[in-house]
Amino acid sequence: MPNAAKIYIAAVIGAGLAIAIYALLHWEAASPISFSVFLALFVGAALLKGRIPGITGTYSPVFFFVLLGSHLLSFSEIKFAAALAGIVQCTFFVLRNPSPIQVAFNASNMIISTALAFAVIHREVPGLSDQPLMMLLMLGSSVYYVVNTVMVSIVVTLVDGKPLSQVWRHWCLRSLPYYLFGAVIAGATVSVQDRASMLVVGMACPSVLLMTVYYRYWLKSLTQVNT
């Protein structure tokens, strides 16, 4: 592995670890039941991962629960759930076992992406204090998407030697509709009431499942047409 890739991966893991330590030191859990339900949803979403053709990496509906969790859970809870989802996503149903560094990088990527989306949704970014929740969820989804995909694209570029613009553009065109539609579902879910209940979240899950299944078959059919 090139030295530049090692330095970059170490920096990402270090940043993710720092955020995780901060979350643990400021642990807050208002509802253990809600937290447990979201943990199950995060793990289940991570297991529904799919692969975008031509890209070393996977996508999953975890981001949908990141958006809802950022609205319903504390910073500490959402970071723990994101890290667990990152570990599950790269260790279950894989063709070959990942190295500890790969697991740590994936978990750190999830932690960092989720932390930035959380900051947007909670209006901790200047200029967002008066924005409606739907707008914040759309923006939070965009931030999560860009950060998550760019970080993976950079490591693919450094390891495989592919041009960054080519890698990210390929991923962007294939996965952007999935993220945007998921943000719309999340926005509609929390707009049912000012603070979404776990019942409303549960009712939204079938839509997320259908969206994921449809997107997976769409990618498959697109690949067959191109070949």
Protein backbone atom coordinates (compact mmCIF):
# COMPACT_ATOMS: atom_id res chain seq x y z
CA MET A 1 0.00 0.00 0.00
CA PRO A 2 1.40 3.47 -0.89
CA ASN A 3 2.56 5.66 1.99
CA ALA A 4 0.05 8.36 1.07
CA ALA A 5 -2.76 5.84 1.48
CA LYS A 6 -1.42 4.74 4.88
CA ILE A 7 -1.23 8.35 6.11
CA TYR A 8 -4.72 9.14 4.86
CA ILE A 9 -6.24 6.01 6.40
CA ALA A 10 -4.51 6.72 9.72
CA ALA A 11 -5.85 10.29 9.69
CA VAL A 12 -9.42 9.12 9.06
CA ILE A 13 -9.21 6.47 11.78
CA GLY A 14 -7.71 9.00 14.19
CA ALA A 15 -10.51 11.50 13.52
CA GLY A 16 -13.17 8.82 13.95
CA LEU A 17 -11.58 7.61 17.17
CA ALA A 18 -11.47 11.16 18.56
CA ILE A 19 -15.18 11.66 17.85
CA ALA A 20 -16.00 8.27 19.39
CA ILE A 21 -14.07 9.09 22.56
CA TYR A 22 -15.84 12.44 22.83
CA ALA A 23 -19.21 10.71 22.42
CA LEU A 24 -18.39 8.19 25.15
CA LEU A 25 -17.19 10.88 27.54
CA HIS A 26 -20.45 12.78 27.02
CA TRP A 27 -22.73 9.77 26.94
CA GLU A 28 -26.44 10.54 27.04
CA ALA A 29 -29.34 8.14 26.52
CA ALA A 30 -32.82 9.46 27.20
CA SER A 31 -34.68 6.30 26.16
CA PRO A 32 -32.88 2.93 26.27
CA ILE A 33 -35.78 1.32 24.40
CA SER A 34 -35.58 3.74 21.48
CA PHE A 35 -31.81 3.36 21.42
CA SER A 36 -32.09 -0.44 21.31
CA VAL A 37 -34.63 -0.28 18.48
CA PHE A 38 -32.39 2.02 16.47
CA LEU A 39 -29.40 -0.23 17.04
CA ALA A 40 -31.38 -3.09 15.54
CA LEU A 41 -32.43 -0.87 12.61
CA PHE A 42 -28.84 0.24 11.98
CA VAL A 43 -27.56 -3.34 12.00
CA GLY A 44 -30.40 -4.53 9.77
CA ALA A 45 -29.77 -1.69 7.33
CA ALA A 46 -26.05 -2.50 7.25
CA LEU A 47 -26.86 -6.08 6.30
CA LEU A 48 -28.90 -4.84 3.32
CA LYS A 49 -25.76 -3.51 1.67
CA GLY A 50 -25.22 -3.62 -2.05
CA ARG A 51 -22.30 -2.95 -4.36
CA ILE A 52 -22.03 -0.34 -7.08
CA PRO A 53 -20.42 -1.88 -10.20
CA GLY A 54 -16.86 -0.72 -10.76
CA ILE A 55 -16.39 0.63 -7.24
CA THR A 56 -14.63 -0.92 -4.25
CA GLY A 57 -17.18 -0.21 -1.57
CA THR A 58 -20.82 -0.78 -0.67
CA TYR A 59 -23.96 1.25 -0.14
CA SER A 60 -26.75 0.59 2.35
CA PRO A 61 -29.89 2.28 3.74
CA VAL A 62 -27.99 3.11 6.94
CA PHE A 63 -28.01 6.78 5.95
CA PHE A 64 -31.82 6.82 6.25
CA PHE A 65 -31.62 5.84 9.91
CA VAL A 66 -28.76 8.29 10.39
CA LEU A 67 -31.19 11.05 9.39
CA LEU A 68 -33.99 9.81 11.63
CA GLY A 69 -31.60 8.93 14.45
CA SER A 70 -30.07 12.39 14.35
CA HIS A 71 -33.57 13.73 14.99
CA LEU A 72 -34.49 11.24 17.74
CA LEU A 73 -31.25 10.16 19.44
CA SER A 74 -28.44 11.91 21.28
CA PHE A 75 -25.04 12.57 19.71
CA SER A 76 -23.50 9.72 21.71
CA GLU A 77 -26.17 7.21 20.72
CA ILE A 78 -26.04 8.00 17.02
CA LYS A 79 -22.24 7.74 16.99
CA PHE A 80 -22.31 4.32 18.65
CA ALA A 81 -24.99 3.09 16.24
CA ALA A 82 -23.08 4.42 13.22
CA ALA A 83 -19.83 2.76 14.31
CA LEU A 84 -21.60 -0.56 14.85
CA ALA A 85 -23.25 -0.31 11.41
CA GLY A 86 -19.89 0.43 9.82
CA ILE A 87 -18.37 -2.65 11.39
CA VAL A 88 -21.29 -4.89 10.42
CA GLN A 89 -21.39 -3.58 6.85
CA CYS A 90 -17.81 -4.57 6.09
CA THR A 91 -17.61 -7.83 8.05
CA PHE A 92 -20.83 -9.70 7.22
CA PHE A 93 -21.64 -11.32 3.87
CA VAL A 94 -18.25 -10.54 2.37
CA LEU A 95 -16.22 -12.47 -0.20
CA ARG A 96 -13.09 -12.23 1.93
CA ASN A 97 -12.50 -11.19 5.51
CA PRO A 98 -11.46 -7.53 5.87
CA SER A 99 -8.33 -6.52 7.74
CA PRO A 100 -8.65 -4.70 11.10
CA ILE A 101 -7.52 -1.51 9.33
CA GLN A 102 -10.36 -1.81 6.80
CA VAL A 103 -12.89 -2.34 9.58
CA ALA A 104 -11.56 0.64 11.53
CA PHE A 105 -11.60 2.84 8.43
CA ASN A 106 -15.17 1.92 7.56
CA ALA A 107 -16.37 2.53 11.12
CA SER A 108 -14.51 5.86 11.23
CA ASN A 109 -16.00 6.91 7.91
CA MET A 110 -19.47 6.24 9.26
CA ILE A 111 -18.74 8.12 12.49
CA ILE A 112 -17.39 11.21 10.71
CA SER A 113 -20.17 11.30 8.09
CA THR A 114 -22.82 10.89 10.76
CA ALA A 115 -21.27 13.54 13.01
CA LEU A 116 -21.38 16.14 10.24
CA ALA A 117 -24.95 15.23 9.26
CA PHE A 118 -25.95 15.44 12.94
CA ALA A 119 -24.44 18.94 13.20
CA VAL A 120 -26.48 20.09 10.20
CA ILE A 121 -29.76 18.57 11.38
CA HIS A 122 -29.34 20.07 14.85
CA ARG A 123 -28.69 23.53 13.40
CA GLU A 124 -25.15 23.66 14.80
CA VAL A 125 -23.86 25.15 11.55
CA PRO A 126 -24.05 28.95 11.19
CA GLY A 127 -26.95 30.09 9.04
CA LEU A 128 -29.19 27.08 9.70
CA SER A 129 -30.90 28.20 12.90
CA ASP A 130 -34.12 29.28 11.17
CA GLN A 131 -34.33 26.59 8.50
CA PRO A 132 -37.26 24.10 8.50
CA LEU A 133 -36.61 20.51 9.48
CA MET A 134 -37.29 19.15 5.99
CA MET A 135 -34.59 21.40 4.56
CA LEU A 136 -32.17 20.33 7.29
CA LEU A 137 -32.79 16.66 6.54
CA MET A 138 -32.19 17.17 2.84
CA LEU A 139 -29.01 19.10 3.56
CA GLY A 140 -27.91 16.56 6.18
CA SER A 141 -28.39 13.76 3.68
CA SER A 142 -26.32 15.64 1.11
CA VAL A 143 -23.53 16.26 3.61
CA TYR A 144 -23.51 12.62 4.69
CA TYR A 145 -23.49 11.47 1.07
CA VAL A 146 -20.68 13.76 -0.07
CA VAL A 147 -18.43 13.11 2.93
CA ASN A 148 -18.99 9.35 2.91
CA THR A 149 -18.44 8.88 -0.82
CA VAL A 150 -15.53 11.31 -1.10
CA MET A 151 -13.66 9.66 1.77
CA VAL A 152 -14.02 6.23 0.18
CA SER A 153 -13.19 7.61 -3.26
CA ILE A 154 -9.96 9.11 -1.93
CA VAL A 155 -8.80 5.83 -0.43
CA VAL A 156 -9.69 3.98 -3.65
CA THR A 157 -7.69 6.55 -5.61
CA LEU A 158 -4.67 6.25 -3.35
CA VAL A 159 -4.70 2.45 -3.23
CA ASP A 160 -5.75 1.58 -6.80
CA GLY A 161 -4.28 4.58 -8.58
CA LYS A 162 -7.57 5.57 -10.25
CA PRO A 163 -8.32 9.28 -10.85
CA LEU A 164 -10.34 10.77 -7.97
CA SER A 165 -12.74 12.61 -10.26
CA GLN A 166 -13.46 9.43 -12.20
CA VAL A 167 -14.07 7.32 -9.09
CA TRP A 168 -16.30 9.84 -7.35
CA ARG A 169 -18.23 10.76 -10.50
CA HIS A 170 -18.95 7.10 -11.14
CA TRP A 171 -20.18 6.63 -7.57
CA CYS A 172 -22.08 9.93 -7.59
CA LEU A 173 -24.09 9.20 -10.73
CA ARG A 174 -24.98 5.71 -9.55
CA SER A 175 -25.90 6.37 -5.91
CA LEU A 176 -27.13 9.98 -5.74
CA PRO A 177 -30.78 9.19 -6.65
CA TYR A 178 -30.86 6.57 -3.88
CA TYR A 179 -29.71 9.07 -1.25
CA LEU A 180 -32.01 11.84 -2.42
CA PHE A 181 -35.08 9.61 -2.43
CA GLY A 182 -34.15 8.33 1.03
CA ALA A 183 -33.93 11.91 2.29
CA VAL A 184 -37.42 12.60 0.96
CA ILE A 185 -38.79 9.57 2.83
CA ALA A 186 -37.01 10.66 6.02
CA GLY A 187 -38.36 14.19 5.66
CA ALA A 188 -41.90 12.91 5.13
CA THR A 189 -41.54 10.63 8.16
CA VAL A 190 -40.52 13.35 10.62
CA SER A 191 -42.98 15.83 9.10
CA VAL A 192 -45.89 13.70 10.27
CA GLN A 193 -45.39 15.35 13.63
CA ASP A 194 -42.85 17.73 15.04
CA ARG A 195 -41.02 14.85 16.70
CA ALA A 196 -41.40 11.50 15.00
CA SER A 197 -42.45 8.58 17.17
CA MET A 198 -40.99 5.10 16.95
CA LEU A 199 -44.30 3.93 15.46
CA VAL A 200 -43.93 6.37 12.58
CA VAL A 201 -40.32 5.27 12.07
CA GLY A 202 -41.46 1.65 11.94
CA MET A 203 -44.11 2.50 9.35
CA ALA A 204 -41.43 4.07 7.14
CA CYS A 205 -39.22 0.96 7.15
CA PRO A 206 -41.14 -0.94 4.41
CA SER A 207 -40.68 2.03 2.07
CA VAL A 208 -36.95 2.02 2.74
CA LEU A 209 -36.79 -1.73 2.09
CA LEU A 210 -38.65 -1.39 -1.20
CA MET A 211 -36.43 1.53 -2.20
CA THR A 212 -33.30 -0.53 -1.51
CA VAL A 213 -34.54 -3.60 -3.39
CA TYR A 214 -35.61 -1.51 -6.37
CA TYR A 215 -32.31 0.36 -6.47
CA ARG A 216 -30.37 -2.88 -6.35
CA TYR A 217 -32.28 -4.32 -9.33
CA TRP A 218 -31.98 -1.01 -11.18
CA LEU A 219 -28.21 -1.10 -10.82
CA LYS A 220 -28.14 -4.71 -11.96
CA SER A 221 -30.23 -3.99 -15.06
CA LEU A 222 -28.13 -0.90 -15.83
CA THR A 223 -24.96 -2.97 -15.69
CA GLN A 224 -26.42 -5.60 -18.01
CA VAL A 225 -27.41 -2.95 -20.55
CA ASN A 226 -23.93 -1.42 -20.51
CA THR A 227 -22.32 -4.82 -21.04
